[in-house]
Amino acid sequence: MGLAADHAALLRAVAEALLQARGRIDGVEAMFSDLIRQTAPEDRSAALTQAQSLDVLAQEIEALSGVLQRLGQGEAPDQVLLAVPLANLSVRLGAGVGLNPASAPASDDVELF
């Protein structure tokens, strides 16, 4: 691929920053869990749905970090997309650059708690 060293380093640095952001989301999720326990029973279903959205966001951030890390290591974009664990994210990313990761596995998709 011939990625310039400074570009590769930047991709890896952004990947690390995303992982740190994902770690901060874990703290927000813990706080949200505490709030859900204090929520009226009739409102818990809506609160849990919102909490699951936060969990999906965390998983997407982690997957994007992995994409940047692998690109920063010089891997080909089509191979990187095949390794994205969230199939819908892989398809969206591929469409944005004209790649079709149709053979990306659907397993290991979003895990909801």
PDB file of N, CA and C in Angstrom:
ATOM      1  N   MET A   1       0.818  -1.187   0.000  1.00  0.00           N
ATOM      2  CA  MET A   1       0.000   0.000   0.000  1.00  0.00           C
ATOM      3  C   MET A   1       0.862   1.251   0.000  1.00  0.00           C
ATOM      4  N   GLY A   2       2.041   1.189   0.587  1.00  0.00           N
ATOM      5  CA  GLY A   2       2.956   2.309   0.550  1.00  0.00           C
ATOM      6  C   GLY A   2       2.504   3.504   1.364  1.00  0.00           C
ATOM      7  N   LEU A   3       2.005   3.270   2.538  1.00  0.00           N
ATOM      8  CA  LEU A   3       1.514   4.338   3.404  1.00  0.00           C
ATOM      9  C   LEU A   3       2.696   5.105   3.992  1.00  0.00           C
ATOM     10  N   ALA A   4       2.646   6.428   3.872  1.00  0.00           N
ATOM     11  CA  ALA A   4       3.714   7.256   4.444  1.00  0.00           C
ATOM     12  C   ALA A   4       3.777   7.031   5.952  1.00  0.00           C
ATOM     13  N   ALA A   5       4.989   7.073   6.481  1.00  0.00           N
ATOM     14  CA  ALA A   5       5.189   6.791   7.904  1.00  0.00           C
ATOM     15  C   ALA A   5       4.400   7.745   8.793  1.00  0.00           C
ATOM     16  N   ASP A   6       4.337   9.032   8.423  1.00  0.00           N
ATOM     17  CA  ASP A   6       3.601   9.971   9.260  1.00  0.00           C
ATOM     18  C   ASP A   6       2.101   9.712   9.209  1.00  0.00           C
ATOM     19  N   HIS A   7       1.590   9.267   8.051  1.00  0.00           N
ATOM     20  CA  HIS A   7       0.170   8.918   7.947  1.00  0.00           C
ATOM     21  C   HIS A   7      -0.130   7.678   8.777  1.00  0.00           C
ATOM     22  N   ALA A   8       0.739   6.702   8.707  1.00  0.00           N
ATOM     23  CA  ALA A   8       0.550   5.474   9.475  1.00  0.00           C
ATOM     24  C   ALA A   8       0.553   5.774  10.972  1.00  0.00           C
ATOM     25  N   ALA A   9       1.480   6.608  11.396  1.00  0.00           N
ATOM     26  CA  ALA A   9       1.555   6.959  12.816  1.00  0.00           C
ATOM     27  C   ALA A   9       0.305   7.708  13.257  1.00  0.00           C
ATOM     28  N   LEU A  10      -0.193   8.592  12.404  1.00  0.00           N
ATOM     29  CA  LEU A  10      -1.408   9.336  12.740  1.00  0.00           C
ATOM     30  C   LEU A  10      -2.605   8.393  12.841  1.00  0.00           C
ATOM     31  N   LEU A  11      -2.733   7.461  11.915  1.00  0.00           N
ATOM     32  CA  LEU A  11      -3.837   6.500  11.981  1.00  0.00           C
ATOM     33  C   LEU A  11      -3.787   5.710  13.283  1.00  0.00           C
ATOM     34  N   ARG A  12      -2.609   5.267  13.663  1.00  0.00           N
ATOM     35  CA  ARG A  12      -2.477   4.503  14.910  1.00  0.00           C
ATOM     36  C   ARG A  12      -2.786   5.374  16.125  1.00  0.00           C
ATOM     37  N   ALA A  13      -2.382   6.647  16.091  1.00  0.00           N
ATOM     38  CA  ALA A  13      -2.659   7.553  17.214  1.00  0.00           C
ATOM     39  C   ALA A  13      -4.160   7.812  17.343  1.00  0.00           C
ATOM     40  N   VAL A  14      -4.847   7.995  16.218  1.00  0.00           N
ATOM     41  CA  VAL A  14      -6.303   8.200  16.256  1.00  0.00           C
ATOM     42  C   VAL A  14      -6.986   6.930  16.759  1.00  0.00           C
ATOM     43  N   ALA A  15      -6.489   5.771  16.339  1.00  0.00           N
ATOM     44  CA  ALA A  15      -7.043   4.500  16.818  1.00  0.00           C
ATOM     45  C   ALA A  15      -6.935   4.406  18.335  1.00  0.00           C
ATOM     46  N   GLU A  16      -5.801   4.811  18.875  1.00  0.00           N
ATOM     47  CA  GLU A  16      -5.602   4.774  20.330  1.00  0.00           C
ATOM     48  C   GLU A  16      -6.526   5.768  21.024  1.00  0.00           C
ATOM     49  N   ALA A  17      -6.690   6.950  20.443  1.00  0.00           N
ATOM     50  CA  ALA A  17      -7.590   7.946  21.032  1.00  0.00           C
ATOM     51  C   ALA A  17      -9.027   7.434  21.045  1.00  0.00           C
ATOM     52  N   LEU A  18      -9.426   6.735  19.999  1.00  0.00           N
ATOM     53  CA  LEU A  18     -10.770   6.151  19.974  1.00  0.00           C
ATOM     54  C   LEU A  18     -10.937   5.106  21.075  1.00  0.00           C
ATOM     55  N   LEU A  19      -9.913   4.293  21.298  1.00  0.00           N
ATOM     56  CA  LEU A  19     -10.001   3.297  22.373  1.00  0.00           C
ATOM     57  C   LEU A  19     -10.114   3.961  23.744  1.00  0.00           C
ATOM     58  N   GLN A  20      -9.422   5.070  23.916  1.00  0.00           N
ATOM     59  CA  GLN A  20      -9.538   5.802  25.175  1.00  0.00           C
ATOM     60  C   GLN A  20     -10.946   6.374  25.341  1.00  0.00           C
ATOM     61  N   ALA A  21     -11.520   6.878  24.246  1.00  0.00           N
ATOM     62  CA  ALA A  21     -12.902   7.381  24.287  1.00  0.00           C
ATOM     63  C   ALA A  21     -13.856   6.249  24.609  1.00  0.00           C
ATOM     64  N   ARG A  22     -13.604   5.088  24.049  1.00  0.00           N
ATOM     65  CA  ARG A  22     -14.451   3.924  24.320  1.00  0.00           C
ATOM     66  C   ARG A  22     -14.395   3.575  25.809  1.00  0.00           C
ATOM     67  N   GLY A  23     -13.219   3.703  26.404  1.00  0.00           N
ATOM     68  CA  GLY A  23     -13.078   3.456  27.838  1.00  0.00           C
ATOM     69  C   GLY A  23     -13.889   4.430  28.672  1.00  0.00           C
ATOM     70  N   ARG A  24     -13.948   5.682  28.237  1.00  0.00           N
ATOM     71  CA  ARG A  24     -14.763   6.667  28.967  1.00  0.00           C
ATOM     72  C   ARG A  24     -16.248   6.355  28.836  1.00  0.00           C
ATOM     73  N   ILE A  25     -16.638   5.780  27.713  1.00  0.00           N
ATOM     74  CA  ILE A  25     -18.042   5.380  27.542  1.00  0.00           C
ATOM     75  C   ILE A  25     -18.404   4.309  28.573  1.00  0.00           C
ATOM     76  N   ASP A  26     -17.459   3.440  28.892  1.00  0.00           N
ATOM     77  CA  ASP A  26     -17.714   2.423  29.920  1.00  0.00           C
ATOM     78  C   ASP A  26     -18.132   3.071  31.235  1.00  0.00           C
ATOM     79  N   GLY A  27     -17.494   4.179  31.587  1.00  0.00           N
ATOM     80  CA  GLY A  27     -17.856   4.895  32.808  1.00  0.00           C
ATOM     81  C   GLY A  27     -19.258   5.477  32.736  1.00  0.00           C
ATOM     82  N   VAL A  28     -19.609   6.008  31.574  1.00  0.00           N
ATOM     83  CA  VAL A  28     -20.953   6.557  31.388  1.00  0.00           C
ATOM     84  C   VAL A  28     -21.984   5.430  31.472  1.00  0.00           C
ATOM     85  N   GLU A  29     -21.654   4.276  30.894  1.00  0.00           N
ATOM     86  CA  GLU A  29     -22.574   3.134  30.962  1.00  0.00           C
ATOM     87  C   GLU A  29     -22.805   2.704  32.412  1.00  0.00           C
ATOM     88  N   ALA A  30     -21.765   2.711  33.215  1.00  0.00           N
ATOM     89  CA  ALA A  30     -21.915   2.344  34.629  1.00  0.00           C
ATOM     90  C   ALA A  30     -22.817   3.336  35.347  1.00  0.00           C
ATOM     91  N   MET A  31     -22.617   4.619  35.065  1.00  0.00           N
ATOM     92  CA  MET A  31     -23.453   5.642  35.681  1.00  0.00           C
ATOM     93  C   MET A  31     -24.907   5.474  35.225  1.00  0.00           C
ATOM     94  N   PHE A  32     -25.093   5.192  33.943  1.00  0.00           N
ATOM     95  CA  PHE A  32     -26.428   5.010  33.388  1.00  0.00           C
ATOM     96  C   PHE A  32     -27.120   3.805  34.039  1.00  0.00           C
ATOM     97  N   SER A  33     -26.353   2.749  34.280  1.00  0.00           N
ATOM     98  CA  SER A  33     -26.917   1.565  34.948  1.00  0.00           C
ATOM     99  C   SER A  33     -27.428   1.910  36.338  1.00  0.00           C
ATOM    100  N   ASP A  34     -26.666   2.717  37.056  1.00  0.00           N
ATOM    101  CA  ASP A  34     -27.107   3.154  38.380  1.00  0.00           C
ATOM    102  C   ASP A  34     -28.409   3.944  38.283  1.00  0.00           C
ATOM    103  N   LEU A  35     -28.494   4.812  37.292  1.00  0.00           N
ATOM    104  CA  LEU A  35     -29.708   5.612  37.107  1.00  0.00           C
ATOM    105  C   LEU A  35     -30.905   4.737  36.725  1.00  0.00           C
ATOM    106  N   ILE A  36     -30.673   3.726  35.915  1.00  0.00           N
ATOM    107  CA  ILE A  36     -31.770   2.831  35.506  1.00  0.00           C
ATOM    108  C   ILE A  36     -32.349   2.121  36.718  1.00  0.00           C
ATOM    109  N   ARG A  37     -31.478   1.713  37.638  1.00  0.00           N
ATOM    110  CA  ARG A  37     -31.960   1.026  38.840  1.00  0.00           C
ATOM    111  C   ARG A  37     -32.867   1.933  39.680  1.00  0.00           C
ATOM    112  N   GLN A  38     -32.675   3.235  39.552  1.00  0.00           N
ATOM    113  CA  GLN A  38     -33.486   4.187  40.313  1.00  0.00           C
ATOM    114  C   GLN A  38     -34.715   4.657  39.535  1.00  0.00           C
ATOM    115  N   THR A  39     -34.837   4.223  38.295  1.00  0.00           N
ATOM    116  CA  THR A  39     -35.946   4.638  37.432  1.00  0.00           C
ATOM    117  C   THR A  39     -37.210   3.879  37.805  1.00  0.00           C
ATOM    118  N   ALA A  40     -38.332   4.536  37.655  1.00  0.00           N
ATOM    119  CA  ALA A  40     -39.618   3.887  37.917  1.00  0.00           C
ATOM    120  C   ALA A  40     -39.765   2.682  36.993  1.00  0.00           C
ATOM    121  N   PRO A  41     -40.324   1.586  37.511  1.00  0.00           N
ATOM    122  CA  PRO A  41     -40.449   0.366  36.710  1.00  0.00           C
ATOM    123  C   PRO A  41     -41.097   0.577  35.341  1.00  0.00           C
ATOM    124  N   GLU A  42     -42.066   1.454  35.273  1.00  0.00           N
ATOM    125  CA  GLU A  42     -42.756   1.661  33.990  1.00  0.00           C
ATOM    126  C   GLU A  42     -41.881   2.400  32.966  1.00  0.00           C
ATOM    127  N   ASP A  43     -40.805   3.020  33.421  1.00  0.00           N
ATOM    128  CA  ASP A  43     -39.905   3.755  32.521  1.00  0.00           C
ATOM    129  C   ASP A  43     -38.622   2.996  32.207  1.00  0.00           C
ATOM    130  N   ARG A  44     -38.420   1.847  32.817  1.00  0.00           N
ATOM    131  CA  ARG A  44     -37.158   1.116  32.656  1.00  0.00           C
ATOM    132  C   ARG A  44     -36.941   0.592  31.242  1.00  0.00           C
ATOM    133  N   SER A  45     -37.987   0.188  30.579  1.00  0.00           N
ATOM    134  CA  SER A  45     -37.838  -0.352  29.227  1.00  0.00           C
ATOM    135  C   SER A  45     -37.225   0.683  28.287  1.00  0.00           C
ATOM    136  N   ALA A  46     -37.736   1.908  28.329  1.00  0.00           N
ATOM    137  CA  ALA A  46     -37.182   2.977  27.482  1.00  0.00           C
ATOM    138  C   ALA A  46     -35.741   3.287  27.874  1.00  0.00           C
ATOM    139  N   ALA A  47     -35.453   3.278  29.163  1.00  0.00           N
ATOM    140  CA  ALA A  47     -34.094   3.562  29.624  1.00  0.00           C
ATOM    141  C   ALA A  47     -33.124   2.469  29.170  1.00  0.00           C
ATOM    142  N   LEU A  48     -33.563   1.217  29.224  1.00  0.00           N
ATOM    143  CA  LEU A  48     -32.708   0.118  28.768  1.00  0.00           C
ATOM    144  C   LEU A  48     -32.432   0.207  27.272  1.00  0.00           C
ATOM    145  N   THR A  49     -33.414   0.629  26.493  1.00  0.00           N
ATOM    146  CA  THR A  49     -33.212   0.810  25.051  1.00  0.00           C
ATOM    147  C   THR A  49     -32.157   1.872  24.801  1.00  0.00           C
ATOM    148  N   GLN A  50     -32.225   2.952  25.545  1.00  0.00           N
ATOM    149  CA  GLN A  50     -31.216   4.008  25.408  1.00  0.00           C
ATOM    150  C   GLN A  50     -29.839   3.505  25.828  1.00  0.00           C
ATOM    151  N   ALA A  51     -29.794   2.707  26.867  1.00  0.00           N
ATOM    152  CA  ALA A  51     -28.522   2.147  27.325  1.00  0.00           C
ATOM    153  C   ALA A  51     -27.931   1.233  26.256  1.00  0.00           C
ATOM    154  N   GLN A  52     -28.771   0.478  25.573  1.00  0.00           N
ATOM    155  CA  GLN A  52     -28.281  -0.391  24.514  1.00  0.00           C
ATOM    156  C   GLN A  52     -27.716   0.429  23.355  1.00  0.00           C
ATOM    157  N   SER A  53     -28.309   1.576  23.074  1.00  0.00           N
ATOM    158  CA  SER A  53     -27.770   2.455  22.036  1.00  0.00           C
ATOM    159  C   SER A  53     -26.366   2.924  22.410  1.00  0.00           C
ATOM    160  N   LEU A  54     -26.160   3.208  23.675  1.00  0.00           N
ATOM    161  CA  LEU A  54     -24.840   3.609  24.147  1.00  0.00           C
ATOM    162  C   LEU A  54     -23.845   2.460  23.996  1.00  0.00           C
ATOM    163  N   ASP A  55     -24.297   1.253  24.261  1.00  0.00           N
ATOM    164  CA  ASP A  55     -23.438   0.086  24.114  1.00  0.00           C
ATOM    165  C   ASP A  55     -23.069  -0.134  22.647  1.00  0.00           C
ATOM    166  N   VAL A  56     -24.023   0.048  21.734  1.00  0.00           N
ATOM    167  CA  VAL A  56     -23.744  -0.083  20.300  1.00  0.00           C
ATOM    168  C   VAL A  56     -22.703   0.958  19.887  1.00  0.00           C
ATOM    169  N   LEU A  57     -22.847   2.183  20.372  1.00  0.00           N
ATOM    170  CA  LEU A  57     -21.876   3.242  20.077  1.00  0.00           C
ATOM    171  C   LEU A  57     -20.476   2.825  20.523  1.00  0.00           C
ATOM    172  N   ALA A  58     -20.368   2.271  21.711  1.00  0.00           N
ATOM    173  CA  ALA A  58     -19.066   1.831  22.220  1.00  0.00           C
ATOM    174  C   ALA A  58     -18.469   0.747  21.330  1.00  0.00           C
ATOM    175  N   GLN A  59     -19.291  -0.197  20.892  1.00  0.00           N
ATOM    176  CA  GLN A  59     -18.801  -1.261  20.021  1.00  0.00           C
ATOM    177  C   GLN A  59     -18.369  -0.719  18.660  1.00  0.00           C
ATOM    178  N   GLU A  60     -19.102   0.260  18.140  1.00  0.00           N
ATOM    179  CA  GLU A  60     -18.727   0.864  16.859  1.00  0.00           C
ATOM    180  C   GLU A  60     -17.412   1.631  16.983  1.00  0.00           C
ATOM    181  N   ILE A  61     -17.231   2.350  18.075  1.00  0.00           N
ATOM    182  CA  ILE A  61     -15.975   3.077  18.294  1.00  0.00           C
ATOM    183  C   ILE A  61     -14.811   2.097  18.361  1.00  0.00           C
ATOM    184  N   GLU A  62     -14.997   0.998  19.043  1.00  0.00           N
ATOM    185  CA  GLU A  62     -13.944  -0.012  19.145  1.00  0.00           C
ATOM    186  C   GLU A  62     -13.622  -0.600  17.770  1.00  0.00           C
ATOM    187  N   ALA A  63     -14.646  -0.864  16.975  1.00  0.00           N
ATOM    188  CA  ALA A  63     -14.433  -1.403  15.624  1.00  0.00           C
ATOM    189  C   ALA A  63     -13.715  -0.391  14.739  1.00  0.00           C
ATOM    190  N   LEU A  64     -14.102   0.882  14.822  1.00  0.00           N
ATOM    191  CA  LEU A  64     -13.437   1.925  14.031  1.00  0.00           C
ATOM    192  C   LEU A  64     -11.972   2.065  14.441  1.00  0.00           C
ATOM    193  N   SER A  65     -11.710   1.940  15.716  1.00  0.00           N
ATOM    194  CA  SER A  65     -10.334   1.983  16.186  1.00  0.00           C
ATOM    195  C   SER A  65      -9.526   0.853  15.554  1.00  0.00           C
ATOM    196  N   GLY A  66     -10.115  -0.321  15.493  1.00  0.00           N
ATOM    197  CA  GLY A  66      -9.439  -1.458  14.867  1.00  0.00           C
ATOM    198  C   GLY A  66      -9.159  -1.222  13.393  1.00  0.00           C
ATOM    199  N   VAL A  67     -10.105  -0.595  12.692  1.00  0.00           N
ATOM    200  CA  VAL A  67      -9.910  -0.276  11.275  1.00  0.00           C
ATOM    201  C   VAL A  67      -8.708   0.644  11.116  1.00  0.00           C
ATOM    202  N   LEU A  68      -8.679   1.708  11.903  1.00  0.00           N
ATOM    203  CA  LEU A  68      -7.570   2.657  11.796  1.00  0.00           C
ATOM    204  C   LEU A  68      -6.236   2.017  12.161  1.00  0.00           C
ATOM    205  N   GLN A  69      -6.238   1.189  13.184  1.00  0.00           N
ATOM    206  CA  GLN A  69      -5.007   0.512  13.602  1.00  0.00           C
ATOM    207  C   GLN A  69      -4.468  -0.356  12.473  1.00  0.00           C
ATOM    208  N   ARG A  70      -5.346  -1.139  11.853  1.00  0.00           N
ATOM    209  CA  ARG A  70      -4.913  -2.039  10.778  1.00  0.00           C
ATOM    210  C   ARG A  70      -4.480  -1.262   9.542  1.00  0.00           C
ATOM    211  N   LEU A  71      -5.189  -0.168   9.217  1.00  0.00           N
ATOM    212  CA  LEU A  71      -4.762   0.668   8.097  1.00  0.00           C
ATOM    213  C   LEU A  71      -3.396   1.279   8.397  1.00  0.00           C
ATOM    214  N   GLY A  72      -3.197   1.673   9.640  1.00  0.00           N
ATOM    215  CA  GLY A  72      -1.913   2.237  10.060  1.00  0.00           C
ATOM    216  C   GLY A  72      -0.776   1.239   9.998  1.00  0.00           C
ATOM    217  N   GLN A  73      -1.112  -0.045  10.012  1.00  0.00           N
ATOM    218  CA  GLN A  73      -0.100  -1.093   9.880  1.00  0.00           C
ATOM    219  C   GLN A  73       0.128  -1.466   8.419  1.00  0.00           C
ATOM    220  N   GLY A  74      -0.584  -0.764   7.516  1.00  0.00           N
ATOM    221  CA  GLY A  74      -0.368  -0.973   6.087  1.00  0.00           C
ATOM    222  C   GLY A  74      -1.237  -2.029   5.441  1.00  0.00           C
ATOM    223  N   GLU A  75      -2.243  -2.530   6.139  1.00  0.00           N
ATOM    224  CA  GLU A  75      -3.117  -3.534   5.546  1.00  0.00           C
ATOM    225  C   GLU A  75      -4.001  -2.915   4.476  1.00  0.00           C
ATOM    226  N   ALA A  76      -4.372  -3.703   3.495  1.00  0.00           N
ATOM    227  CA  ALA A  76      -5.218  -3.242   2.398  1.00  0.00           C
ATOM    228  C   ALA A  76      -6.638  -2.981   2.913  1.00  0.00           C
ATOM    229  N   PRO A  77      -7.270  -1.888   2.444  1.00  0.00           N
ATOM    230  CA  PRO A  77      -8.618  -1.553   2.920  1.00  0.00           C
ATOM    231  C   PRO A  77      -9.634  -2.684   2.772  1.00  0.00           C
ATOM    232  N   ASP A  78      -9.602  -3.416   1.667  1.00  0.00           N
ATOM    233  CA  ASP A  78     -10.591  -4.486   1.508  1.00  0.00           C
ATOM    234  C   ASP A  78     -10.404  -5.579   2.553  1.00  0.00           C
ATOM    235  N   GLN A  79      -9.166  -5.871   2.917  1.00  0.00           N
ATOM    236  CA  GLN A  79      -8.908  -6.876   3.949  1.00  0.00           C
ATOM    237  C   GLN A  79      -9.289  -6.355   5.327  1.00  0.00           C
ATOM    238  N   VAL A  80      -9.071  -5.081   5.544  1.00  0.00           N
ATOM    239  CA  VAL A  80      -9.439  -4.464   6.826  1.00  0.00           C
ATOM    240  C   VAL A  80     -10.952  -4.538   7.015  1.00  0.00           C
ATOM    241  N   LEU A  81     -11.708  -4.242   5.957  1.00  0.00           N
ATOM    242  CA  LEU A  81     -13.167  -4.267   6.060  1.00  0.00           C
ATOM    243  C   LEU A  81     -13.690  -5.664   6.343  1.00  0.00           C
ATOM    244  N   LEU A  82     -13.043  -6.669   5.792  1.00  0.00           N
ATOM    245  CA  LEU A  82     -13.473  -8.049   6.056  1.00  0.00           C
ATOM    246  C   LEU A  82     -13.306  -8.424   7.525  1.00  0.00           C
ATOM    247  N   ALA A  83     -12.410  -7.741   8.217  1.00  0.00           N
ATOM    248  CA  ALA A  83     -12.146  -8.063   9.622  1.00  0.00           C
ATOM    249  C   ALA A  83     -13.012  -7.262  10.594  1.00  0.00           C
ATOM    250  N   VAL A  84     -13.818  -6.319  10.085  1.00  0.00           N
ATOM    251  CA  VAL A  84     -14.673  -5.526  10.971  1.00  0.00           C
ATOM    252  C   VAL A  84     -15.724  -6.450  11.579  1.00  0.00           C
ATOM    253  N   PRO A  85     -15.803  -6.522  12.918  1.00  0.00           N
ATOM    254  CA  PRO A  85     -16.723  -7.470  13.543  1.00  0.00           C
ATOM    255  C   PRO A  85     -18.195  -7.078  13.443  1.00  0.00           C
ATOM    256  N   LEU A  86     -18.502  -5.840  13.115  1.00  0.00           N
ATOM    257  CA  LEU A  86     -19.887  -5.396  12.991  1.00  0.00           C
ATOM    258  C   LEU A  86     -20.232  -5.330  11.514  1.00  0.00           C
ATOM    259  N   ALA A  87     -21.013  -6.291  11.031  1.00  0.00           N
ATOM    260  CA  ALA A  87     -21.277  -6.416   9.598  1.00  0.00           C
ATOM    261  C   ALA A  87     -21.885  -5.152   9.006  1.00  0.00           C
ATOM    262  N   ASN A  88     -22.843  -4.544   9.696  1.00  0.00           N
ATOM    263  CA  ASN A  88     -23.466  -3.335   9.142  1.00  0.00           C
ATOM    264  C   ASN A  88     -22.467  -2.190   9.031  1.00  0.00           C
ATOM    265  N   LEU A  89     -21.538  -2.084   9.963  1.00  0.00           N
ATOM    266  CA  LEU A  89     -20.507  -1.058   9.909  1.00  0.00           C
ATOM    267  C   LEU A  89     -19.550  -1.326   8.747  1.00  0.00           C
ATOM    268  N   SER A  90     -19.203  -2.578   8.548  1.00  0.00           N
ATOM    269  CA  SER A  90     -18.328  -2.949   7.445  1.00  0.00           C
ATOM    270  C   SER A  90     -18.938  -2.551   6.105  1.00  0.00           C
ATOM    271  N   VAL A  91     -20.217  -2.810   5.935  1.00  0.00           N
ATOM    272  CA  VAL A  91     -20.909  -2.466   4.690  1.00  0.00           C
ATOM    273  C   VAL A  91     -20.933  -0.948   4.506  1.00  0.00           C
ATOM    274  N   ARG A  92     -21.248  -0.215   5.562  1.00  0.00           N
ATOM    275  CA  ARG A  92     -21.294   1.254   5.457  1.00  0.00           C
ATOM    276  C   ARG A  92     -19.932   1.830   5.116  1.00  0.00           C
ATOM    277  N   LEU A  93     -18.888   1.339   5.754  1.00  0.00           N
ATOM    278  CA  LEU A  93     -17.542   1.833   5.468  1.00  0.00           C
ATOM    279  C   LEU A  93     -17.137   1.492   4.036  1.00  0.00           C
ATOM    280  N   GLY A  94     -17.435   0.274   3.612  1.00  0.00           N
ATOM    281  CA  GLY A  94     -17.083  -0.156   2.259  1.00  0.00           C
ATOM    282  C   GLY A  94     -17.785   0.661   1.200  1.00  0.00           C
ATOM    283  N   ALA A  95     -19.048   0.967   1.430  1.00  0.00           N
ATOM    284  CA  ALA A  95     -19.809   1.765   0.466  1.00  0.00           C
ATOM    285  C   ALA A  95     -19.204   3.153   0.323  1.00  0.00           C
ATOM    286  N   GLY A  96     -18.667   3.669   1.394  1.00  0.00           N
ATOM    287  CA  GLY A  96     -18.079   4.999   1.363  1.00  0.00           C
ATOM    288  C   GLY A  96     -16.818   5.094   0.524  1.00  0.00           C
ATOM    289  N   VAL A  97     -16.156   3.964   0.296  1.00  0.00           N
ATOM    290  CA  VAL A  97     -14.925   3.971  -0.502  1.00  0.00           C
ATOM    291  C   VAL A  97     -15.019   3.078  -1.730  1.00  0.00           C
ATOM    292  N   GLY A  98     -16.235   2.671  -2.064  1.00  0.00           N
ATOM    293  CA  GLY A  98     -16.439   1.878  -3.271  1.00  0.00           C
ATOM    294  C   GLY A  98     -16.046   0.419  -3.155  1.00  0.00           C
ATOM    295  N   LEU A  99     -15.965  -0.111  -1.948  1.00  0.00           N
ATOM    296  CA  LEU A  99     -15.649  -1.529  -1.745  1.00  0.00           C
ATOM    297  C   LEU A  99     -16.907  -2.257  -1.316  1.00  0.00           C
ATOM    298  N   ASN A 100     -16.984  -3.532  -1.656  1.00  0.00           N
ATOM    299  CA  ASN A 100     -18.149  -4.329  -1.300  1.00  0.00           C
ATOM    300  C   ASN A 100     -17.714  -5.495  -0.417  1.00  0.00           C
ATOM    301  N   PRO A 101     -17.753  -5.319   0.881  1.00  0.00           N
ATOM    302  CA  PRO A 101     -17.358  -6.408   1.775  1.00  0.00           C
ATOM    303  C   PRO A 101     -18.492  -7.406   1.995  1.00  0.00           C
ATOM    304  N   ALA A 102     -19.136  -7.806   0.909  1.00  0.00           N
ATOM    305  CA  ALA A 102     -20.297  -8.697   1.003  1.00  0.00           C
ATOM    306  C   ALA A 102     -19.941 -10.020   1.666  1.00  0.00           C
ATOM    307  N   SER A 103     -18.696 -10.412   1.586  1.00  0.00           N
ATOM    308  CA  SER A 103     -18.319 -11.676   2.200  1.00  0.00           C
ATOM    309  C   SER A 103     -17.930 -11.527   3.662  1.00  0.00           C
ATOM    310  N   ALA A 104     -18.125 -10.335   4.211  1.00  0.00           N
ATOM    311  CA  ALA A 104     -17.833 -10.129   5.625  1.00  0.00           C
ATOM    312  C   ALA A 104     -18.783 -10.970   6.463  1.00  0.00           C
ATOM    313  N   PRO A 105     -18.263 -11.646   7.455  1.00  0.00           N
ATOM    314  CA  PRO A 105     -19.120 -12.505   8.273  1.00  0.00           C
ATOM    315  C   PRO A 105     -20.129 -11.705   9.081  1.00  0.00           C
ATOM    316  N   ALA A 106     -21.320 -12.243   9.210  1.00  0.00           N
ATOM    317  CA  ALA A 106     -22.360 -11.592   9.998  1.00  0.00           C
ATOM    318  C   ALA A 106     -22.249 -11.968  11.469  1.00  0.00           C
ATOM    319  N   SER A 107     -21.450 -12.977  11.768  1.00  0.00           N
ATOM    320  CA  SER A 107     -21.291 -13.364  13.168  1.00  0.00           C
ATOM    321  C   SER A 107     -20.478 -12.309  13.892  1.00  0.00           C
ATOM    322  N   ASP A 108     -20.465 -12.382  15.195  1.00  0.00           N
ATOM    323  CA  ASP A 108     -19.784 -11.404  16.044  1.00  0.00           C
ATOM    324  C   ASP A 108     -20.348 -10.005  15.835  1.00  0.00           C
ATOM    325  N   ASP A 109     -21.630  -9.943  15.471  1.00  0.00           N
ATOM    326  CA  ASP A 109     -22.252  -8.649  15.272  1.00  0.00           C
ATOM    327  C   ASP A 109     -22.510  -7.999  16.620  1.00  0.00           C
ATOM    328  N   VAL A 110     -23.214  -6.925  16.644  1.00  0.00           N
ATOM    329  CA  VAL A 110     -23.473  -6.185  17.870  1.00  0.00           C
ATOM    330  C   VAL A 110     -23.988  -7.118  18.959  1.00  0.00           C
ATOM    331  N   GLU A 111     -23.407  -6.988  20.127  1.00  0.00           N
ATOM    332  CA  GLU A 111     -23.848  -7.772  21.272  1.00  0.00           C
ATOM    333  C   GLU A 111     -24.553  -6.851  22.241  1.00  0.00           C
ATOM    334  N   LEU A 112     -25.822  -7.083  22.448  1.00  0.00           N
ATOM    335  CA  LEU A 112     -26.578  -6.276  23.397  1.00  0.00           C
ATOM    336  C   LEU A 112     -26.632  -6.992  24.729  1.00  0.00           C
ATOM    337  N   PHE A 113     -26.615  -6.207  25.781  1.00  0.00           N
ATOM    338  CA  PHE A 113     -26.644  -6.815  27.123  1.00  0.00           C
ATOM    339  C   PHE A 113     -28.057  -7.112  27.532  1.00  0.00           C
TER     340      PHE A 113
END
